[in-house]
């Protein structure tokens, strides 16, 4: 099943992340797909990402911390090979983020009408 939120659907890197282990989004990644993850973490958790990471659309230390906090709060762990949450955005994480962003979108209009363009610090 493809991603359903307006924020994520149609993004090739995030869609690939949903179905392919090698396509996981990991620390060090950069690009518009990372900016969408930043936005999602802010919308669903009020996460704070460093302005330098936002500007560069970079998965740096504050993004890593926000992803880990999101996963710990929701107990996102693949028990087949993990004993604790990690800091990557894989299949389970992107699915959980997508579901929560979709709920957020269904509640009403996104800030400025477009979550992907939302700026925060």
PDB file of N, CA and C in Angstrom:
ATOM      1  N   UNK A   1       0.846  -1.173   0.000  1.00  0.00           N
ATOM      2  CA  UNK A   1       0.000   0.000   0.000  1.00  0.00           C
ATOM      3  C   UNK A   1       0.896   1.243   0.000  1.00  0.00           C
ATOM      4  N   UNK A   2       0.636   2.187  -0.891  1.00  0.00           N
ATOM      5  CA  UNK A   2       1.464   3.402  -0.949  1.00  0.00           C
ATOM      6  C   UNK A   2       1.185   4.326   0.235  1.00  0.00           C
ATOM      7  N   UNK A   3       2.067   5.291   0.381  1.00  0.00           N
ATOM      8  CA  UNK A   3       1.872   6.305   1.424  1.00  0.00           C
ATOM      9  C   UNK A   3       0.617   7.108   1.091  1.00  0.00           C
ATOM     10  N   UNK A   4      -0.108   7.513   2.125  1.00  0.00           N
ATOM     11  CA  UNK A   4      -1.412   8.144   1.915  1.00  0.00           C
ATOM     12  C   UNK A   4      -1.467   9.624   2.261  1.00  0.00           C
ATOM     13  N   UNK A   5      -0.583  10.116   3.113  1.00  0.00           N
ATOM     14  CA  UNK A   5      -0.657  11.534   3.486  1.00  0.00           C
ATOM     15  C   UNK A   5      -0.260  12.406   2.300  1.00  0.00           C
ATOM     16  N   UNK A   6      -0.838  13.586   2.243  1.00  0.00           N
ATOM     17  CA  UNK A   6      -0.472  14.539   1.194  1.00  0.00           C
ATOM     18  C   UNK A   6       1.005  14.887   1.284  1.00  0.00           C
ATOM     19  N   UNK A   7       1.514  14.943   2.490  1.00  0.00           N
ATOM     20  CA  UNK A   7       2.910  15.309   2.704  1.00  0.00           C
ATOM     21  C   UNK A   7       3.856  14.294   2.074  1.00  0.00           C
ATOM     22  N   UNK A   8       3.565  13.012   2.210  1.00  0.00           N
ATOM     23  CA  UNK A   8       4.498  11.960   1.796  1.00  0.00           C
ATOM     24  C   UNK A   8       4.186  11.316   0.449  1.00  0.00           C
ATOM     25  N   UNK A   9       2.905  11.195   0.110  1.00  0.00           N
ATOM     26  CA  UNK A   9       2.570  10.402  -1.077  1.00  0.00           C
ATOM     27  C   UNK A   9       3.197  10.990  -2.341  1.00  0.00           C
ATOM     28  N   UNK A  10       3.649  10.082  -3.174  1.00  0.00           N
ATOM     29  CA  UNK A  10       4.258  10.488  -4.433  1.00  0.00           C
ATOM     30  C   UNK A  10       5.736  10.820  -4.335  1.00  0.00           C
ATOM     31  N   UNK A  11       6.294  10.868  -3.132  1.00  0.00           N
ATOM     32  CA  UNK A  11       7.722  11.130  -3.005  1.00  0.00           C
ATOM     33  C   UNK A  11       8.457   9.809  -3.238  1.00  0.00           C
ATOM     34  N   UNK A  12       9.234   9.707  -4.312  1.00  0.00           N
ATOM     35  CA  UNK A  12       9.844   8.421  -4.654  1.00  0.00           C
ATOM     36  C   UNK A  12      10.752   7.845  -3.566  1.00  0.00           C
ATOM     37  N   UNK A  13      11.489   8.693  -2.884  1.00  0.00           N
ATOM     38  CA  UNK A  13      12.398   8.192  -1.845  1.00  0.00           C
ATOM     39  C   UNK A  13      11.633   7.694  -0.624  1.00  0.00           C
ATOM     40  N   UNK A  14      10.564   8.380  -0.260  1.00  0.00           N
ATOM     41  CA  UNK A  14       9.780   7.944   0.889  1.00  0.00           C
ATOM     42  C   UNK A  14       8.924   6.729   0.543  1.00  0.00           C
ATOM     43  N   UNK A  15       8.405   6.682  -0.681  1.00  0.00           N
ATOM     44  CA  UNK A  15       7.655   5.502  -1.121  1.00  0.00           C
ATOM     45  C   UNK A  15       8.578   4.278  -1.132  1.00  0.00           C
ATOM     46  N   UNK A  16       9.821   4.448  -1.585  1.00  0.00           N
ATOM     47  CA  UNK A  16      10.783   3.344  -1.603  1.00  0.00           C
ATOM     48  C   UNK A  16      11.117   2.897  -0.187  1.00  0.00           C
ATOM     49  N   UNK A  17      11.206   3.852   0.718  1.00  0.00           N
ATOM     50  CA  UNK A  17      11.500   3.560   2.123  1.00  0.00           C
ATOM     51  C   UNK A  17      10.448   2.640   2.725  1.00  0.00           C
ATOM     52  N   UNK A  18       9.226   2.761   2.255  1.00  0.00           N
ATOM     53  CA  UNK A  18       8.115   1.958   2.766  1.00  0.00           C
ATOM     54  C   UNK A  18       8.235   0.483   2.383  1.00  0.00           C
ATOM     55  N   UNK A  19       8.927   0.187   1.300  1.00  0.00           N
ATOM     56  CA  UNK A  19       8.947  -1.191   0.799  1.00  0.00           C
ATOM     57  C   UNK A  19      10.330  -1.821   0.667  1.00  0.00           C
ATOM     58  N   UNK A  20      11.383  -1.040   0.813  1.00  0.00           N
ATOM     59  CA  UNK A  20      12.719  -1.557   0.543  1.00  0.00           C
ATOM     60  C   UNK A  20      13.699  -1.226   1.668  1.00  0.00           C
ATOM     61  N   UNK A  21      14.279  -2.261   2.262  1.00  0.00           N
ATOM     62  CA  UNK A  21      15.252  -2.029   3.333  1.00  0.00           C
ATOM     63  C   UNK A  21      16.428  -1.150   2.902  1.00  0.00           C
ATOM     64  N   UNK A  22      17.004  -1.352   1.724  1.00  0.00           N
ATOM     65  CA  UNK A  22      18.119  -0.488   1.320  1.00  0.00           C
ATOM     66  C   UNK A  22      17.722   0.983   1.131  1.00  0.00           C
ATOM     67  N   UNK A  23      16.432   1.261   1.047  1.00  0.00           N
ATOM     68  CA  UNK A  23      15.957   2.634   0.843  1.00  0.00           C
ATOM     69  C   UNK A  23      15.653   3.356   2.148  1.00  0.00           C
ATOM     70  N   UNK A  24      15.971   2.746   3.277  1.00  0.00           N
ATOM     71  CA  UNK A  24      15.758   3.429   4.557  1.00  0.00           C
ATOM     72  C   UNK A  24      16.443   4.793   4.538  1.00  0.00           C
ATOM     73  N   UNK A  25      15.868   5.746   5.256  1.00  0.00           N
ATOM     74  CA  UNK A  25      16.450   7.082   5.361  1.00  0.00           C
ATOM     75  C   UNK A  25      17.274   7.097   6.644  1.00  0.00           C
ATOM     76  N   UNK A  26      18.550   7.402   6.507  1.00  0.00           N
ATOM     77  CA  UNK A  26      19.483   7.283   7.621  1.00  0.00           C
ATOM     78  C   UNK A  26      20.223   8.598   7.874  1.00  0.00           C
ATOM     79  N   UNK A  27      20.817   8.729   9.063  1.00  0.00           N
ATOM     80  CA  UNK A  27      21.610   9.919   9.341  1.00  0.00           C
ATOM     81  C   UNK A  27      22.630  10.165   8.227  1.00  0.00           C
ATOM     82  N   UNK A  28      22.732  11.427   7.858  1.00  0.00           N
ATOM     83  CA  UNK A  28      23.627  11.825   6.774  1.00  0.00           C
ATOM     84  C   UNK A  28      22.889  12.098   5.477  1.00  0.00           C
ATOM     85  N   UNK A  29      21.653  11.609   5.359  1.00  0.00           N
ATOM     86  CA  UNK A  29      20.865  11.836   4.146  1.00  0.00           C
ATOM     87  C   UNK A  29      20.491  13.310   4.027  1.00  0.00           C
ATOM     88  N   UNK A  30      20.274  13.752   2.810  1.00  0.00           N
ATOM     89  CA  UNK A  30      19.844  15.126   2.557  1.00  0.00           C
ATOM     90  C   UNK A  30      18.883  15.139   1.383  1.00  0.00           C
ATOM     91  N   UNK A  31      18.010  16.123   1.387  1.00  0.00           N
ATOM     92  CA  UNK A  31      17.120  16.307   0.253  1.00  0.00           C
ATOM     93  C   UNK A  31      15.706  16.632   0.688  1.00  0.00           C
ATOM     94  N   UNK A  32      14.842  16.873  -0.283  1.00  0.00           N
ATOM     95  CA  UNK A  32      13.453  17.230   0.011  1.00  0.00           C
ATOM     96  C   UNK A  32      12.718  16.174   0.832  1.00  0.00           C
ATOM     97  N   UNK A  33      13.063  14.894   0.647  1.00  0.00           N
ATOM     98  CA  UNK A  33      12.409  13.844   1.432  1.00  0.00           C
ATOM     99  C   UNK A  33      12.739  13.978   2.912  1.00  0.00           C
ATOM    100  N   UNK A  34      13.944  14.434   3.232  1.00  0.00           N
ATOM    101  CA  UNK A  34      14.333  14.662   4.632  1.00  0.00           C
ATOM    102  C   UNK A  34      13.558  15.857   5.182  1.00  0.00           C
ATOM    103  N   UNK A  35      13.379  16.894   4.373  1.00  0.00           N
ATOM    104  CA  UNK A  35      12.593  18.056   4.805  1.00  0.00           C
ATOM    105  C   UNK A  35      11.162  17.641   5.151  1.00  0.00           C
ATOM    106  N   UNK A  36      10.607  16.692   4.409  1.00  0.00           N
ATOM    107  CA  UNK A  36       9.255  16.206   4.698  1.00  0.00           C
ATOM    108  C   UNK A  36       9.228  15.441   6.015  1.00  0.00           C
ATOM    109  N   UNK A  37      10.285  14.699   6.289  1.00  0.00           N
ATOM    110  CA  UNK A  37      10.381  14.012   7.587  1.00  0.00           C
ATOM    111  C   UNK A  37      10.465  15.036   8.706  1.00  0.00           C
ATOM    112  N   UNK A  38      11.241  16.102   8.510  1.00  0.00           N
ATOM    113  CA  UNK A  38      11.306  17.194   9.499  1.00  0.00           C
ATOM    114  C   UNK A  38       9.903  17.726   9.779  1.00  0.00           C
ATOM    115  N   UNK A  39       9.173  18.029   8.720  1.00  0.00           N
ATOM    116  CA  UNK A  39       7.829  18.584   8.865  1.00  0.00           C
ATOM    117  C   UNK A  39       6.927  17.623   9.621  1.00  0.00           C
ATOM    118  N   UNK A  40       6.987  16.349   9.255  1.00  0.00           N
ATOM    119  CA  UNK A  40       6.142  15.353   9.915  1.00  0.00           C
ATOM    120  C   UNK A  40       6.449  15.267  11.403  1.00  0.00           C
ATOM    121  N   UNK A  41       7.724  15.246  11.755  1.00  0.00           N
ATOM    122  CA  UNK A  41       8.102  15.158  13.164  1.00  0.00           C
ATOM    123  C   UNK A  41       7.620  16.376  13.944  1.00  0.00           C
ATOM    124  N   UNK A  42       7.643  17.532  13.308  1.00  0.00           N
ATOM    125  CA  UNK A  42       7.137  18.740  13.955  1.00  0.00           C
ATOM    126  C   UNK A  42       5.620  18.654  14.137  1.00  0.00           C
ATOM    127  N   UNK A  43       4.925  18.237  13.091  1.00  0.00           N
ATOM    128  CA  UNK A  43       3.461  18.189  13.142  1.00  0.00           C
ATOM    129  C   UNK A  43       2.937  17.203  14.176  1.00  0.00           C
ATOM    130  N   UNK A  44       3.531  16.016  14.231  1.00  0.00           N
ATOM    131  CA  UNK A  44       2.969  14.972  15.091  1.00  0.00           C
ATOM    132  C   UNK A  44       3.570  14.928  16.487  1.00  0.00           C
ATOM    133  N   UNK A  45       4.788  15.471  16.645  1.00  0.00           N
ATOM    134  CA  UNK A  45       5.453  15.411  17.951  1.00  0.00           C
ATOM    135  C   UNK A  45       5.942  16.760  18.465  1.00  0.00           C
ATOM    136  N   UNK A  46       5.810  17.801  17.657  1.00  0.00           N
ATOM    137  CA  UNK A  46       6.353  19.096  18.063  1.00  0.00           C
ATOM    138  C   UNK A  46       7.867  19.077  18.140  1.00  0.00           C
ATOM    139  N   UNK A  47       8.486  18.178  17.380  1.00  0.00           N
ATOM    140  CA  UNK A  47       9.945  18.015  17.427  1.00  0.00           C
ATOM    141  C   UNK A  47      10.659  19.293  17.016  1.00  0.00           C
ATOM    142  N   UNK A  48      11.789  19.512  17.628  1.00  0.00           N
ATOM    143  CA  UNK A  48      12.630  20.652  17.316  1.00  0.00           C
ATOM    144  C   UNK A  48      13.857  20.156  16.552  1.00  0.00           C
ATOM    145  N   UNK A  49      14.039  20.684  15.345  1.00  0.00           N
ATOM    146  CA  UNK A  49      15.178  20.325  14.514  1.00  0.00           C
ATOM    147  C   UNK A  49      16.028  21.573  14.333  1.00  0.00           C
ATOM    148  N   UNK A  50      17.328  21.424  14.424  1.00  0.00           N
ATOM    149  CA  UNK A  50      18.257  22.555  14.301  1.00  0.00           C
ATOM    150  C   UNK A  50      18.044  23.285  12.978  1.00  0.00           C
ATOM    151  N   UNK A  51      18.108  24.600  13.026  1.00  0.00           N
ATOM    152  CA  UNK A  51      17.854  25.405  11.830  1.00  0.00           C
ATOM    153  C   UNK A  51      18.821  25.066  10.701  1.00  0.00           C
ATOM    154  N   UNK A  52      20.067  24.740  11.017  1.00  0.00           N
ATOM    155  CA  UNK A  52      21.027  24.386   9.967  1.00  0.00           C
ATOM    156  C   UNK A  52      20.594  23.112   9.239  1.00  0.00           C
ATOM    157  N   UNK A  53      20.022  22.171   9.975  1.00  0.00           N
ATOM    158  CA  UNK A  53      19.537  20.940   9.352  1.00  0.00           C
ATOM    159  C   UNK A  53      18.308  21.221   8.491  1.00  0.00           C
ATOM    160  N   UNK A  54      17.441  22.114   8.965  1.00  0.00           N
ATOM    161  CA  UNK A  54      16.258  22.484   8.185  1.00  0.00           C
ATOM    162  C   UNK A  54      16.672  23.154   6.881  1.00  0.00           C
ATOM    163  N   UNK A  55      17.586  24.094   6.982  1.00  0.00           N
ATOM    164  CA  UNK A  55      18.030  24.839   5.800  1.00  0.00           C
ATOM    165  C   UNK A  55      18.672  23.925   4.772  1.00  0.00           C
ATOM    166  N   UNK A  56      19.461  22.964   5.233  1.00  0.00           N
ATOM    167  CA  UNK A  56      20.175  22.046   4.333  1.00  0.00           C
ATOM    168  C   UNK A  56      19.362  20.805   3.994  1.00  0.00           C
ATOM    169  N   UNK A  57      18.168  20.689   4.585  1.00  0.00           N
ATOM    170  CA  UNK A  57      17.335  19.498   4.412  1.00  0.00           C
ATOM    171  C   UNK A  57      18.164  18.256   4.736  1.00  0.00           C
ATOM    172  N   UNK A  58      18.816  18.315   5.885  1.00  0.00           N
ATOM    173  CA  UNK A  58      19.813  17.316   6.274  1.00  0.00           C
ATOM    174  C   UNK A  58      19.364  16.506   7.491  1.00  0.00           C
ATOM    175  N   UNK A  59      19.660  15.228   7.464  1.00  0.00           N
ATOM    176  CA  UNK A  59      19.360  14.297   8.565  1.00  0.00           C
ATOM    177  C   UNK A  59      20.585  14.280   9.474  1.00  0.00           C
ATOM    178  N   UNK A  60      20.663  15.287  10.319  1.00  0.00           N
ATOM    179  CA  UNK A  60      21.791  15.441  11.226  1.00  0.00           C
ATOM    180  C   UNK A  60      21.440  15.016  12.640  1.00  0.00           C
ATOM    181  N   UNK A  61      22.226  15.469  13.617  1.00  0.00           N
ATOM    182  CA  UNK A  61      22.050  15.034  15.006  1.00  0.00           C
ATOM    183  C   UNK A  61      20.678  15.351  15.608  1.00  0.00           C
ATOM    184  N   UNK A  62      20.124  16.523  15.329  1.00  0.00           N
ATOM    185  CA  UNK A  62      18.824  16.834  15.937  1.00  0.00           C
ATOM    186  C   UNK A  62      17.688  16.060  15.258  1.00  0.00           C
ATOM    187  N   UNK A  63      17.833  15.781  13.971  1.00  0.00           N
ATOM    188  CA  UNK A  63      16.854  14.930  13.293  1.00  0.00           C
ATOM    189  C   UNK A  63      16.948  13.512  13.845  1.00  0.00           C
ATOM    190  N   UNK A  64      18.163  13.043  14.018  1.00  0.00           N
ATOM    191  CA  UNK A  64      18.395  11.714  14.584  1.00  0.00           C
ATOM    192  C   UNK A  64      17.728  11.589  15.949  1.00  0.00           C
ATOM    193  N   UNK A  65      17.898  12.592  16.779  1.00  0.00           N
ATOM    194  CA  UNK A  65      17.298  12.581  18.118  1.00  0.00           C
ATOM    195  C   UNK A  65      15.766  12.607  18.030  1.00  0.00           C
ATOM    196  N   UNK A  66      15.226  13.396  17.105  1.00  0.00           N
ATOM    197  CA  UNK A  66      13.774  13.495  16.959  1.00  0.00           C
ATOM    198  C   UNK A  66      13.179  12.174  16.458  1.00  0.00           C
ATOM    199  N   UNK A  67      13.856  11.525  15.520  1.00  0.00           N
ATOM    200  CA  UNK A  67      13.383  10.233  15.019  1.00  0.00           C
ATOM    201  C   UNK A  67      13.424   9.202  16.139  1.00  0.00           C
ATOM    202  N   UNK A  68      14.507   9.172  16.882  1.00  0.00           N
ATOM    203  CA  UNK A  68      14.633   8.215  17.979  1.00  0.00           C
ATOM    204  C   UNK A  68      13.547   8.451  19.032  1.00  0.00           C
ATOM    205  N   UNK A  69      13.281   9.693  19.360  1.00  0.00           N
ATOM    206  CA  UNK A  69      12.231  10.015  20.332  1.00  0.00           C
ATOM    207  C   UNK A  69      10.860   9.574  19.817  1.00  0.00           C
ATOM    208  N   UNK A  70      10.590   9.822  18.537  1.00  0.00           N
ATOM    209  CA  UNK A  70       9.329   9.397  17.929  1.00  0.00           C
ATOM    210  C   UNK A  70       9.171   7.883  18.059  1.00  0.00           C
ATOM    211  N   UNK A  71      10.227   7.159  17.726  1.00  0.00           N
ATOM    212  CA  UNK A  71      10.171   5.698  17.745  1.00  0.00           C
ATOM    213  C   UNK A  71      10.066   5.146  19.169  1.00  0.00           C
ATOM    214  N   UNK A  72      10.786   5.746  20.095  1.00  0.00           N
ATOM    215  CA  UNK A  72      10.702   5.283  21.491  1.00  0.00           C
ATOM    216  C   UNK A  72       9.302   5.499  22.054  1.00  0.00           C
ATOM    217  N   UNK A  73       8.735   6.657  21.773  1.00  0.00           N
ATOM    218  CA  UNK A  73       7.407   6.996  22.294  1.00  0.00           C
ATOM    219  C   UNK A  73       6.346   6.011  21.803  1.00  0.00           C
ATOM    220  N   UNK A  74       6.542   5.501  20.592  1.00  0.00           N
ATOM    221  CA  UNK A  74       5.550   4.614  19.977  1.00  0.00           C
ATOM    222  C   UNK A  74       5.987   3.146  19.977  1.00  0.00           C
ATOM    223  N   UNK A  75       7.122   2.878  20.579  1.00  0.00           N
ATOM    224  CA  UNK A  75       7.652   1.510  20.675  1.00  0.00           C
ATOM    225  C   UNK A  75       7.811   0.876  19.293  1.00  0.00           C
ATOM    226  N   UNK A  76       8.401   1.652  18.381  1.00  0.00           N
ATOM    227  CA  UNK A  76       8.633   1.141  17.028  1.00  0.00           C
ATOM    228  C   UNK A  76       9.966   0.401  17.033  1.00  0.00           C
ATOM    229  N   UNK A  77       9.858  -0.911  17.108  1.00  0.00           N
ATOM    230  CA  UNK A  77      11.023  -1.793  17.170  1.00  0.00           C
ATOM    231  C   UNK A  77      10.688  -3.028  16.343  1.00  0.00           C
ATOM    232  N   UNK A  78      11.605  -3.445  15.501  1.00  0.00           N
ATOM    233  CA  UNK A  78      11.426  -4.693  14.772  1.00  0.00           C
ATOM    234  C   UNK A  78      12.026  -5.794  15.632  1.00  0.00           C
ATOM    235  N   UNK A  79      11.176  -6.459  16.374  1.00  0.00           N
ATOM    236  CA  UNK A  79      11.633  -7.442  17.353  1.00  0.00           C
ATOM    237  C   UNK A  79      12.300  -8.655  16.725  1.00  0.00           C
ATOM    238  N   UNK A  80      12.223  -8.807  15.416  1.00  0.00           N
ATOM    239  CA  UNK A  80      12.896  -9.944  14.789  1.00  0.00           C
ATOM    240  C   UNK A  80      14.420  -9.784  14.820  1.00  0.00           C
ATOM    241  N   UNK A  81      14.893  -8.537  14.976  1.00  0.00           N
ATOM    242  CA  UNK A  81      16.345  -8.345  15.052  1.00  0.00           C
ATOM    243  C   UNK A  81      16.770  -7.196  15.967  1.00  0.00           C
ATOM    244  N   UNK A  82      15.847  -6.515  16.614  1.00  0.00           N
ATOM    245  CA  UNK A  82      16.181  -5.394  17.482  1.00  0.00           C
ATOM    246  C   UNK A  82      15.690  -5.635  18.903  1.00  0.00           C
ATOM    247  N   UNK A  83      16.384  -4.993  19.851  1.00  0.00           N
ATOM    248  CA  UNK A  83      15.925  -5.003  21.234  1.00  0.00           C
ATOM    249  C   UNK A  83      15.538  -3.609  21.689  1.00  0.00           C
ATOM    250  N   UNK A  84      15.902  -2.595  20.890  1.00  0.00           N
ATOM    251  CA  UNK A  84      15.545  -1.214  21.205  1.00  0.00           C
ATOM    252  C   UNK A  84      15.414  -0.426  19.904  1.00  0.00           C
ATOM    253  N   UNK A  85      14.762   0.723  20.005  1.00  0.00           N
ATOM    254  CA  UNK A  85      14.552   1.575  18.837  1.00  0.00           C
ATOM    255  C   UNK A  85      15.880   2.082  18.302  1.00  0.00           C
ATOM    256  N   UNK A  86      15.941   2.242  16.976  1.00  0.00           N
ATOM    257  CA  UNK A  86      17.129   2.826  16.354  1.00  0.00           C
ATOM    258  C   UNK A  86      16.771   4.209  15.806  1.00  0.00           C
ATOM    259  N   UNK A  87      17.707   4.832  15.102  1.00  0.00           N
ATOM    260  CA  UNK A  87      17.504   6.211  14.659  1.00  0.00           C
ATOM    261  C   UNK A  87      17.299   6.342  13.156  1.00  0.00           C
ATOM    262  N   UNK A  88      16.835   5.277  12.507  1.00  0.00           N
ATOM    263  CA  UNK A  88      16.604   5.352  11.070  1.00  0.00           C
ATOM    264  C   UNK A  88      15.108   5.404  10.768  1.00  0.00           C
ATOM    265  N   UNK A  89      14.783   5.914   9.599  1.00  0.00           N
ATOM    266  CA  UNK A  89      13.403   5.899   9.124  1.00  0.00           C
ATOM    267  C   UNK A  89      13.309   4.750   8.125  1.00  0.00           C
ATOM    268  N   UNK A  90      12.760   3.653   8.613  1.00  0.00           N
ATOM    269  CA  UNK A  90      12.558   2.475   7.788  1.00  0.00           C
ATOM    270  C   UNK A  90      11.086   2.260   7.531  1.00  0.00           C
ATOM    271  N   UNK A  91      10.751   1.034   7.153  1.00  0.00           N
ATOM    272  CA  UNK A  91       9.372   0.693   6.774  1.00  0.00           C
ATOM    273  C   UNK A  91       8.365   1.012   7.873  1.00  0.00           C
ATOM    274  N   UNK A  92       8.633   0.553   9.086  1.00  0.00           N
ATOM    275  CA  UNK A  92       7.685   0.750  10.186  1.00  0.00           C
ATOM    276  C   UNK A  92       7.566   2.222  10.563  1.00  0.00           C
ATOM    277  N   UNK A  93       8.678   2.922  10.539  1.00  0.00           N
ATOM    278  CA  UNK A  93       8.688   4.330  10.949  1.00  0.00           C
ATOM    279  C   UNK A  93       7.973   5.209   9.934  1.00  0.00           C
ATOM    280  N   UNK A  94       8.260   5.009   8.641  1.00  0.00           N
ATOM    281  CA  UNK A  94       7.597   5.846   7.640  1.00  0.00           C
ATOM    282  C   UNK A  94       6.100   5.555   7.622  1.00  0.00           C
ATOM    283  N   UNK A  95       5.716   4.304   7.842  1.00  0.00           N
ATOM    284  CA  UNK A  95       4.291   3.966   7.894  1.00  0.00           C
ATOM    285  C   UNK A  95       3.618   4.654   9.076  1.00  0.00           C
ATOM    286  N   UNK A  96       4.275   4.658  10.237  1.00  0.00           N
ATOM    287  CA  UNK A  96       3.709   5.311  11.426  1.00  0.00           C
ATOM    288  C   UNK A  96       3.631   6.820  11.236  1.00  0.00           C
ATOM    289  N   UNK A  97       4.690   7.423  10.710  1.00  0.00           N
ATOM    290  CA  UNK A  97       4.673   8.868  10.446  1.00  0.00           C
ATOM    291  C   UNK A  97       3.563   9.216   9.458  1.00  0.00           C
ATOM    292  N   UNK A  98       3.456   8.432   8.395  1.00  0.00           N
ATOM    293  CA  UNK A  98       2.431   8.684   7.375  1.00  0.00           C
ATOM    294  C   UNK A  98       1.034   8.621   7.979  1.00  0.00           C
ATOM    295  N   UNK A  99       0.778   7.611   8.782  1.00  0.00           N
ATOM    296  CA  UNK A  99      -0.547   7.462   9.399  1.00  0.00           C
ATOM    297  C   UNK A  99      -0.876   8.648  10.303  1.00  0.00           C
ATOM    298  N   UNK A 100       0.090   9.088  11.081  1.00  0.00           N
ATOM    299  CA  UNK A 100      -0.166  10.212  11.990  1.00  0.00           C
ATOM    300  C   UNK A 100      -0.301  11.527  11.234  1.00  0.00           C
ATOM    301  N   UNK A 101       0.489  11.720  10.189  1.00  0.00           N
ATOM    302  CA  UNK A 101       0.357  12.941   9.385  1.00  0.00           C
ATOM    303  C   UNK A 101      -0.993  12.939   8.681  1.00  0.00           C
ATOM    304  N   UNK A 102      -1.416  11.793   8.178  1.00  0.00           N
ATOM    305  CA  UNK A 102      -2.722  11.701   7.532  1.00  0.00           C
ATOM    306  C   UNK A 102      -3.833  12.107   8.504  1.00  0.00           C
ATOM    307  N   UNK A 103      -3.777  11.634   9.730  1.00  0.00           N
ATOM    308  CA  UNK A 103      -4.768  12.037  10.739  1.00  0.00           C
ATOM    309  C   UNK A 103      -4.726  13.542  10.964  1.00  0.00           C
ATOM    310  N   UNK A 104      -3.525  14.098  11.033  1.00  0.00           N
ATOM    311  CA  UNK A 104      -3.361  15.542  11.203  1.00  0.00           C
ATOM    312  C   UNK A 104      -3.998  16.281  10.028  1.00  0.00           C
ATOM    313  N   UNK A 105      -3.734  15.804   8.813  1.00  0.00           N
ATOM    314  CA  UNK A 105      -4.287  16.451   7.620  1.00  0.00           C
ATOM    315  C   UNK A 105      -5.812  16.392   7.601  1.00  0.00           C
ATOM    316  N   UNK A 106      -6.367  15.286   8.048  1.00  0.00           N
ATOM    317  CA  UNK A 106      -7.822  15.123   8.040  1.00  0.00           C
ATOM    318  C   UNK A 106      -8.521  16.024   9.051  1.00  0.00           C
ATOM    319  N   UNK A 107      -7.786  16.484  10.052  1.00  0.00           N
ATOM    320  CA  UNK A 107      -8.370  17.364  11.070  1.00  0.00           C
ATOM    321  C   UNK A 107      -8.585  18.768  10.560  1.00  0.00           C
ATOM    322  N   UNK A 108      -7.860  19.176   9.526  1.00  0.00           N
ATOM    323  CA  UNK A 108      -8.032  20.526   9.023  1.00  0.00           C
ATOM    324  C   UNK A 108      -6.875  20.943   8.151  1.00  0.00           C
ATOM    325  N   UNK A 109      -6.910  22.173   7.664  1.00  0.00           N
ATOM    326  CA  UNK A 109      -5.860  22.635   6.764  1.00  0.00           C
ATOM    327  C   UNK A 109      -4.505  22.688   7.465  1.00  0.00           C
ATOM    328  N   UNK A 110      -3.497  22.409   6.692  1.00  0.00           N
ATOM    329  CA  UNK A 110      -2.136  22.487   7.202  1.00  0.00           C
ATOM    330  C   UNK A 110      -1.682  23.938   7.245  1.00  0.00           C
ATOM    331  N   UNK A 111      -0.697  24.248   8.090  1.00  0.00           N
ATOM    332  CA  UNK A 111      -0.179  25.620   8.136  1.00  0.00           C
ATOM    333  C   UNK A 111       0.219  26.079   6.742  1.00  0.00           C
ATOM    334  N   UNK A 112      -0.184  27.264   6.366  1.00  0.00           N
ATOM    335  CA  UNK A 112       0.097  27.839   5.051  1.00  0.00           C
ATOM    336  C   UNK A 112      -0.424  26.969   3.923  1.00  0.00           C
ATOM    337  N   UNK A 113      -1.310  26.029   4.245  1.00  0.00           N
ATOM    338  CA  UNK A 113      -1.890  25.174   3.221  1.00  0.00           C
ATOM    339  C   UNK A 113      -0.992  24.068   2.708  1.00  0.00           C
ATOM    340  N   UNK A 114       0.265  24.023   3.139  1.00  0.00           N
ATOM    341  CA  UNK A 114       1.195  23.034   2.598  1.00  0.00           C
ATOM    342  C   UNK A 114       2.242  22.698   3.638  1.00  0.00           C
ATOM    343  N   UNK A 115       2.166  21.512   4.219  1.00  0.00           N
ATOM    344  CA  UNK A 115       3.101  21.115   5.277  1.00  0.00           C
ATOM    345  C   UNK A 115       4.529  21.065   4.779  1.00  0.00           C
ATOM    346  N   UNK A 116       4.736  20.732   3.518  1.00  0.00           N
ATOM    347  CA  UNK A 116       6.091  20.596   3.006  1.00  0.00           C
ATOM    348  C   UNK A 116       6.836  21.923   3.011  1.00  0.00           C
ATOM    349  N   UNK A 117       6.098  23.039   3.038  1.00  0.00           N
ATOM    350  CA  UNK A 117       6.730  24.346   3.043  1.00  0.00           C
ATOM    351  C   UNK A 117       6.729  25.006   4.407  1.00  0.00           C
ATOM    352  N   UNK A 118       6.282  24.292   5.427  1.00  0.00           N
ATOM    353  CA  UNK A 118       6.218  24.843   6.768  1.00  0.00           C
ATOM    354  C   UNK A 118       7.625  25.029   7.319  1.00  0.00           C
ATOM    355  N   UNK A 119       7.901  26.170   7.879  1.00  0.00           N
ATOM    356  CA  UNK A 119       9.202  26.431   8.493  1.00  0.00           C
ATOM    357  C   UNK A 119       9.044  26.452  10.014  1.00  0.00           C
ATOM    358  N   UNK A 120       9.994  25.883  10.703  1.00  0.00           N
ATOM    359  CA  UNK A 120       9.966  25.870  12.154  1.00  0.00           C
ATOM    360  C   UNK A 120      11.382  25.755  12.670  1.00  0.00           C
ATOM    361  N   UNK A 121      11.568  26.098  13.948  1.00  0.00           N
ATOM    362  CA  UNK A 121      12.891  25.969  14.558  1.00  0.00           C
ATOM    363  C   UNK A 121      12.793  25.230  15.852  1.00  0.00           C
TER     364      UNK A 121
END
